[in-house]
Amino acid sequence: MKVTETTQNQDGSTTVREVHIPFRKGISQISRTLVPENSDEPISVHIIESGWKDNGPMYHILVEYGDYMQTDYQFGNFQFICEMFPEFRKIIEDTFVDVIITSEEIHNTPNAGELGALVRKKSIR
């Protein structure tokens, strides 16, 4: 990613500096998705745990509307989400958790038995 930084100097001149920030692939976060049972708007709600912790995990909340091809963004903690979407508490506390297995882990696991053991290890709380 390239970022351009402009600094205003005391003599009135400006200094422009371009900074390159390298990125690498990270571990994916699970997006918990809520879909309506009886209506068609919003078409889905995606809740993704953020990297910040403030008395517990914080979440990015994306609410997608189909009619206008619009997505609303909000940011909040567990309590904030449960006030908006009470169903989320049951989803997050469910015994059967969602698990992400990377393609690299699948490729590097020699046999199906060991892959099953890896999946179980990652999914047991």
N, C-alpha and C. Protein backbone atom coordinates (compact mmCIF):
# COMPACT_ATOMS: atom_id res chain seq x y z
N MET A 1 0.84 -1.16 0.00
CA MET A 1 0.00 0.00 0.00
C MET A 1 0.89 1.23 0.00
N LYS A 2 0.57 2.19 -0.84
CA LYS A 2 1.33 3.43 -0.88
C LYS A 2 0.54 4.53 -0.16
N VAL A 3 1.25 5.26 0.71
CA VAL A 3 0.65 6.35 1.46
C VAL A 3 1.46 7.60 1.18
N THR A 4 0.77 8.69 0.88
CA THR A 4 1.45 9.96 0.66
C THR A 4 1.26 10.82 1.89
N GLU A 5 2.39 11.28 2.45
CA GLU A 5 2.37 12.09 3.66
C GLU A 5 2.81 13.50 3.30
N THR A 6 1.99 14.49 3.61
CA THR A 6 2.32 15.89 3.34
C THR A 6 2.51 16.60 4.66
N THR A 7 3.68 17.24 4.83
CA THR A 7 4.00 17.94 6.07
C THR A 7 4.15 19.43 5.77
N GLN A 8 3.49 20.24 6.58
CA GLN A 8 3.61 21.70 6.46
C GLN A 8 4.77 22.14 7.34
N ASN A 9 5.80 22.73 6.75
CA ASN A 9 6.97 23.18 7.49
C ASN A 9 6.74 24.57 8.07
N GLN A 10 7.56 24.95 9.07
CA GLN A 10 7.41 26.25 9.72
C GLN A 10 7.67 27.41 8.77
N ASP A 11 8.51 27.20 7.76
CA ASP A 11 8.81 28.28 6.82
C ASP A 11 7.75 28.42 5.73
N GLY A 12 6.67 27.66 5.83
CA GLY A 12 5.58 27.76 4.87
C GLY A 12 5.66 26.77 3.72
N SER A 13 6.80 26.13 3.56
CA SER A 13 6.93 25.14 2.50
C SER A 13 6.29 23.82 2.93
N THR A 14 6.07 22.96 1.97
CA THR A 14 5.52 21.64 2.27
C THR A 14 6.48 20.56 1.80
N THR A 15 6.49 19.50 2.53
CA THR A 15 7.31 18.35 2.18
C THR A 15 6.37 17.18 1.93
N VAL A 16 6.54 16.54 0.78
CA VAL A 16 5.72 15.39 0.43
C VAL A 16 6.60 14.16 0.45
N ARG A 17 6.13 13.14 1.14
CA ARG A 17 6.89 11.90 1.25
C ARG A 17 5.96 10.75 0.95
N GLU A 18 6.40 9.84 0.11
CA GLU A 18 5.61 8.66 -0.21
C GLU A 18 6.19 7.47 0.56
N VAL A 19 5.32 6.80 1.28
CA VAL A 19 5.73 5.67 2.10
C VAL A 19 5.05 4.42 1.57
N HIS A 20 5.80 3.35 1.46
CA HIS A 20 5.24 2.06 1.02
C HIS A 20 5.13 1.16 2.24
N ILE A 21 3.92 0.66 2.51
CA ILE A 21 3.68 -0.24 3.64
C ILE A 21 3.44 -1.63 3.08
N PRO A 22 4.38 -2.56 3.30
CA PRO A 22 4.20 -3.91 2.76
C PRO A 22 3.18 -4.71 3.57
N PHE A 23 2.41 -5.54 2.91
CA PHE A 23 1.44 -6.41 3.56
C PHE A 23 1.75 -7.86 3.22
N ARG A 24 1.31 -8.75 4.09
CA ARG A 24 1.40 -10.18 3.84
C ARG A 24 0.06 -10.79 4.21
N LYS A 25 -0.17 -12.00 3.79
CA LYS A 25 -1.42 -12.70 4.11
C LYS A 25 -1.46 -13.03 5.59
N GLY A 26 -2.58 -12.75 6.21
CA GLY A 26 -2.76 -13.07 7.62
C GLY A 26 -3.78 -14.18 7.77
N ILE A 27 -4.06 -14.55 9.01
CA ILE A 27 -5.07 -15.57 9.29
C ILE A 27 -6.45 -14.92 9.14
N SER A 28 -7.32 -15.56 8.42
CA SER A 28 -8.66 -15.03 8.19
C SER A 28 -9.49 -15.06 9.46
N GLN A 29 -10.38 -14.09 9.58
CA GLN A 29 -11.33 -14.07 10.69
C GLN A 29 -12.64 -14.67 10.21
N ILE A 30 -13.33 -15.33 11.12
CA ILE A 30 -14.63 -15.88 10.79
C ILE A 30 -15.64 -14.75 10.75
N SER A 31 -16.43 -14.71 9.69
CA SER A 31 -17.53 -13.76 9.58
C SER A 31 -18.80 -14.51 9.92
N ARG A 32 -19.41 -14.12 11.01
CA ARG A 32 -20.69 -14.74 11.37
C ARG A 32 -21.77 -14.00 10.60
N THR A 33 -22.58 -14.72 9.87
CA THR A 33 -23.57 -14.10 8.99
C THR A 33 -24.98 -14.39 9.48
N LEU A 34 -25.77 -13.33 9.59
CA LEU A 34 -27.17 -13.45 9.95
C LEU A 34 -27.98 -13.16 8.69
N VAL A 35 -29.00 -13.96 8.44
CA VAL A 35 -29.90 -13.73 7.30
C VAL A 35 -31.33 -13.72 7.82
N PRO A 36 -32.19 -12.89 7.23
CA PRO A 36 -33.57 -12.81 7.72
C PRO A 36 -34.35 -14.08 7.39
N GLU A 37 -35.26 -14.44 8.29
CA GLU A 37 -36.10 -15.61 8.06
C GLU A 37 -37.35 -15.28 7.27
N ASN A 38 -37.96 -14.12 7.51
CA ASN A 38 -39.25 -13.83 6.92
C ASN A 38 -39.28 -12.63 5.98
N SER A 39 -38.24 -11.84 5.95
CA SER A 39 -38.24 -10.67 5.07
C SER A 39 -37.02 -10.72 4.17
N ASP A 40 -36.95 -9.78 3.28
CA ASP A 40 -35.80 -9.80 2.38
C ASP A 40 -34.89 -8.59 2.57
N GLU A 41 -35.14 -7.74 3.56
CA GLU A 41 -34.27 -6.61 3.84
C GLU A 41 -34.00 -6.54 5.33
N PRO A 42 -32.81 -6.40 5.80
CA PRO A 42 -31.59 -6.47 5.02
C PRO A 42 -31.37 -7.90 4.51
N ILE A 43 -30.56 -8.01 3.45
CA ILE A 43 -30.35 -9.35 2.90
C ILE A 43 -29.38 -10.15 3.74
N SER A 44 -28.47 -9.46 4.45
CA SER A 44 -27.55 -10.17 5.35
C SER A 44 -26.86 -9.19 6.28
N VAL A 45 -26.39 -9.75 7.40
CA VAL A 45 -25.59 -8.99 8.37
C VAL A 45 -24.34 -9.81 8.61
N HIS A 46 -23.18 -9.20 8.40
CA HIS A 46 -21.90 -9.87 8.62
C HIS A 46 -21.25 -9.26 9.86
N ILE A 47 -20.85 -10.11 10.79
CA ILE A 47 -20.23 -9.65 12.03
C ILE A 47 -18.85 -10.28 12.11
N ILE A 48 -17.83 -9.42 12.13
CA ILE A 48 -16.44 -9.87 12.07
C ILE A 48 -15.70 -9.34 13.29
N GLU A 49 -15.04 -10.23 14.02
CA GLU A 49 -14.27 -9.80 15.19
C GLU A 49 -13.10 -8.94 14.74
N SER A 50 -12.91 -7.81 15.40
CA SER A 50 -11.80 -6.91 15.05
C SER A 50 -10.56 -7.29 15.84
N GLY A 51 -9.49 -6.57 15.61
CA GLY A 51 -8.25 -6.82 16.33
C GLY A 51 -8.20 -6.08 17.66
N TRP A 52 -9.19 -5.23 17.95
CA TRP A 52 -9.18 -4.45 19.18
C TRP A 52 -9.97 -5.14 20.26
N LYS A 53 -9.51 -4.98 21.47
CA LYS A 53 -10.19 -5.51 22.65
C LYS A 53 -10.44 -4.32 23.58
N ASP A 54 -11.67 -4.16 24.03
CA ASP A 54 -12.03 -3.12 24.98
C ASP A 54 -13.08 -3.73 25.91
N ASN A 55 -12.62 -4.36 26.99
CA ASN A 55 -13.49 -5.15 27.86
C ASN A 55 -14.14 -6.28 27.07
N GLY A 56 -13.36 -6.95 26.27
CA GLY A 56 -13.86 -8.04 25.43
C GLY A 56 -13.63 -7.71 23.98
N PRO A 57 -13.94 -8.65 23.10
CA PRO A 57 -13.69 -8.40 21.67
C PRO A 57 -14.61 -7.32 21.11
N MET A 58 -14.11 -6.58 20.14
CA MET A 58 -14.90 -5.59 19.41
C MET A 58 -15.19 -6.18 18.03
N TYR A 59 -16.25 -5.70 17.39
CA TYR A 59 -16.70 -6.29 16.14
C TYR A 59 -17.00 -5.22 15.08
N HIS A 60 -16.72 -5.57 13.82
CA HIS A 60 -17.17 -4.80 12.67
C HIS A 60 -18.52 -5.39 12.27
N ILE A 61 -19.50 -4.53 12.02
CA ILE A 61 -20.84 -4.98 11.67
C ILE A 61 -21.21 -4.40 10.31
N LEU A 62 -21.42 -5.26 9.33
CA LEU A 62 -21.80 -4.84 7.98
C LEU A 62 -23.22 -5.31 7.71
N VAL A 63 -24.11 -4.35 7.45
CA VAL A 63 -25.51 -4.67 7.16
C VAL A 63 -25.75 -4.38 5.69
N GLU A 64 -26.04 -5.44 4.92
CA GLU A 64 -26.24 -5.31 3.47
C GLU A 64 -27.71 -5.22 3.13
N TYR A 65 -28.04 -4.24 2.28
CA TYR A 65 -29.40 -4.06 1.78
C TYR A 65 -29.37 -4.31 0.28
N GLY A 66 -30.27 -5.15 -0.19
CA GLY A 66 -30.27 -5.54 -1.59
C GLY A 66 -30.91 -4.53 -2.52
N ASP A 67 -32.02 -3.91 -2.09
CA ASP A 67 -32.74 -2.99 -2.98
C ASP A 67 -31.87 -1.83 -3.46
N TYR A 68 -31.01 -1.32 -2.57
CA TYR A 68 -30.21 -0.15 -2.92
C TYR A 68 -28.74 -0.49 -3.14
N MET A 69 -28.41 -1.79 -3.05
CA MET A 69 -27.01 -2.22 -3.16
C MET A 69 -26.14 -1.37 -2.24
N GLN A 70 -26.54 -1.32 -0.98
CA GLN A 70 -25.90 -0.47 0.01
C GLN A 70 -25.47 -1.31 1.20
N THR A 71 -24.34 -0.95 1.81
CA THR A 71 -23.88 -1.60 3.01
C THR A 71 -23.64 -0.55 4.08
N ASP A 72 -24.25 -0.73 5.25
CA ASP A 72 -24.04 0.16 6.39
C ASP A 72 -23.00 -0.47 7.29
N TYR A 73 -22.14 0.37 7.87
CA TYR A 73 -21.06 -0.11 8.74
C TYR A 73 -21.27 0.43 10.15
N GLN A 74 -21.07 -0.44 11.12
CA GLN A 74 -21.05 -0.02 12.52
C GLN A 74 -19.94 -0.79 13.22
N PHE A 75 -19.55 -0.30 14.39
CA PHE A 75 -18.48 -0.91 15.16
C PHE A 75 -18.94 -0.96 16.60
N GLY A 76 -18.81 -2.11 17.25
CA GLY A 76 -19.24 -2.19 18.64
C GLY A 76 -18.80 -3.45 19.33
N ASN A 77 -19.14 -3.51 20.61
CA ASN A 77 -18.78 -4.68 21.40
C ASN A 77 -19.93 -5.69 21.40
N PHE A 78 -19.75 -6.77 22.13
CA PHE A 78 -20.73 -7.86 22.16
C PHE A 78 -22.10 -7.35 22.61
N GLN A 79 -22.12 -6.53 23.67
CA GLN A 79 -23.39 -6.02 24.19
C GLN A 79 -24.11 -5.17 23.15
N PHE A 80 -23.37 -4.33 22.43
CA PHE A 80 -23.94 -3.48 21.38
C PHE A 80 -24.61 -4.34 20.30
N ILE A 81 -23.93 -5.41 19.88
CA ILE A 81 -24.49 -6.28 18.85
C ILE A 81 -25.74 -6.99 19.36
N CYS A 82 -25.69 -7.48 20.61
CA CYS A 82 -26.84 -8.20 21.16
C CYS A 82 -28.06 -7.30 21.32
N GLU A 83 -27.84 -6.00 21.52
CA GLU A 83 -28.97 -5.07 21.57
C GLU A 83 -29.59 -4.92 20.19
N MET A 84 -28.78 -4.90 19.15
CA MET A 84 -29.28 -4.78 17.77
C MET A 84 -29.84 -6.10 17.26
N PHE A 85 -29.11 -7.18 17.53
CA PHE A 85 -29.46 -8.51 17.02
C PHE A 85 -29.40 -9.51 18.18
N PRO A 86 -30.49 -9.67 18.93
CA PRO A 86 -30.48 -10.57 20.10
C PRO A 86 -30.10 -12.01 19.74
N GLU A 87 -30.33 -12.42 18.50
CA GLU A 87 -30.01 -13.78 18.06
C GLU A 87 -28.51 -14.06 18.10
N PHE A 88 -27.70 -12.99 18.07
CA PHE A 88 -26.25 -13.15 18.00
C PHE A 88 -25.70 -13.86 19.24
N ARG A 89 -26.30 -13.63 20.41
CA ARG A 89 -25.82 -14.27 21.64
C ARG A 89 -25.83 -15.80 21.50
N LYS A 90 -26.92 -16.36 20.98
CA LYS A 90 -27.02 -17.81 20.81
C LYS A 90 -25.99 -18.30 19.78
N ILE A 91 -25.78 -17.53 18.73
CA ILE A 91 -24.83 -17.93 17.69
C ILE A 91 -23.41 -17.96 18.24
N ILE A 92 -23.02 -16.93 18.98
CA ILE A 92 -21.64 -16.85 19.48
C ILE A 92 -21.38 -17.86 20.60
N GLU A 93 -22.45 -18.21 21.35
CA GLU A 93 -22.30 -19.15 22.46
C GLU A 93 -22.56 -20.59 22.05
N ASP A 94 -22.82 -20.83 20.77
CA ASP A 94 -23.11 -22.17 20.27
C ASP A 94 -21.92 -23.10 20.53
N THR A 95 -22.22 -24.32 20.90
CA THR A 95 -21.18 -25.32 21.19
C THR A 95 -20.38 -25.66 19.94
N PHE A 96 -21.05 -25.66 18.79
CA PHE A 96 -20.39 -26.02 17.55
C PHE A 96 -19.87 -24.74 16.88
N VAL A 97 -18.57 -24.54 16.97
CA VAL A 97 -17.98 -23.31 16.47
C VAL A 97 -17.61 -23.44 15.00
N ASP A 98 -17.56 -22.29 14.31
CA ASP A 98 -17.06 -22.27 12.94
C ASP A 98 -15.54 -22.35 12.99
N VAL A 99 -14.96 -23.06 12.05
CA VAL A 99 -13.52 -23.28 12.04
C VAL A 99 -12.96 -22.91 10.67
N ILE A 100 -11.83 -22.25 10.68
CA ILE A 100 -11.15 -21.95 9.42
C ILE A 100 -9.92 -22.83 9.31
N ILE A 101 -9.89 -23.62 8.26
CA ILE A 101 -8.71 -24.43 7.93
C ILE A 101 -8.16 -23.84 6.64
N THR A 102 -6.91 -23.43 6.67
CA THR A 102 -6.32 -22.81 5.49
C THR A 102 -5.95 -23.86 4.45
N SER A 103 -5.86 -23.42 3.23
CA SER A 103 -5.45 -24.35 2.17
C SER A 103 -4.04 -24.85 2.41
N GLU A 104 -3.20 -24.03 3.02
CA GLU A 104 -1.84 -24.45 3.34
C GLU A 104 -1.86 -25.60 4.36
N GLU A 105 -2.74 -25.50 5.38
CA GLU A 105 -2.85 -26.58 6.36
C GLU A 105 -3.36 -27.86 5.71
N ILE A 106 -4.32 -27.74 4.81
CA ILE A 106 -4.82 -28.92 4.10
C ILE A 106 -3.71 -29.54 3.26
N HIS A 107 -2.97 -28.70 2.55
CA HIS A 107 -1.89 -29.18 1.69
C HIS A 107 -0.77 -29.85 2.50
N ASN A 108 -0.48 -29.31 3.68
CA ASN A 108 0.64 -29.82 4.49
C ASN A 108 0.26 -30.95 5.43
N THR A 109 -1.00 -31.35 5.46
CA THR A 109 -1.43 -32.46 6.32
C THR A 109 -1.43 -33.73 5.48
N PRO A 110 -0.59 -34.69 5.82
CA PRO A 110 -0.34 -35.83 4.95
C PRO A 110 -1.53 -36.75 4.68
N ASN A 111 -2.42 -36.93 5.65
CA ASN A 111 -3.52 -37.88 5.39
C ASN A 111 -4.82 -37.38 6.01
N ALA A 112 -5.91 -38.02 5.63
CA ALA A 112 -7.23 -37.59 6.05
C ALA A 112 -7.42 -37.72 7.56
N GLY A 113 -6.84 -38.75 8.17
CA GLY A 113 -6.96 -38.92 9.63
C GLY A 113 -6.33 -37.77 10.39
N GLU A 114 -5.15 -37.37 9.95
CA GLU A 114 -4.46 -36.25 10.61
C GLU A 114 -5.19 -34.93 10.34
N LEU A 115 -5.78 -34.81 9.15
CA LEU A 115 -6.56 -33.60 8.84
C LEU A 115 -7.79 -33.54 9.74
N GLY A 116 -8.45 -34.66 9.95
CA GLY A 116 -9.60 -34.71 10.86
C GLY A 116 -9.20 -34.34 12.28
N ALA A 117 -8.04 -34.82 12.72
CA ALA A 117 -7.54 -34.49 14.06
C ALA A 117 -7.26 -32.99 14.17
N LEU A 118 -6.73 -32.40 13.11
CA LEU A 118 -6.45 -30.95 13.10
C LEU A 118 -7.75 -30.16 13.19
N VAL A 119 -8.76 -30.58 12.45
CA VAL A 119 -10.05 -29.89 12.48
C VAL A 119 -10.66 -29.99 13.87
N ARG A 120 -10.63 -31.18 14.46
CA ARG A 120 -11.19 -31.34 15.81
C ARG A 120 -10.43 -30.49 16.83
N LYS A 121 -9.12 -30.45 16.71
CA LYS A 121 -8.30 -29.67 17.63
C LYS A 121 -8.66 -28.19 17.54
N LYS A 122 -8.90 -27.69 16.33
CA LYS A 122 -9.23 -26.28 16.16
C LYS A 122 -10.66 -25.96 16.57
N SER A 123 -11.55 -26.95 16.53
CA SER A 123 -12.96 -26.66 16.79
C SER A 123 -13.39 -26.89 18.23
N ILE A 124 -12.57 -27.53 19.03
CA ILE A 124 -12.94 -27.78 20.43
C ILE A 124 -12.53 -26.57 21.25
N ARG A 125 -13.49 -26.06 22.00
CA ARG A 125 -13.21 -24.87 22.83
C ARG A 125 -12.51 -25.23 24.09
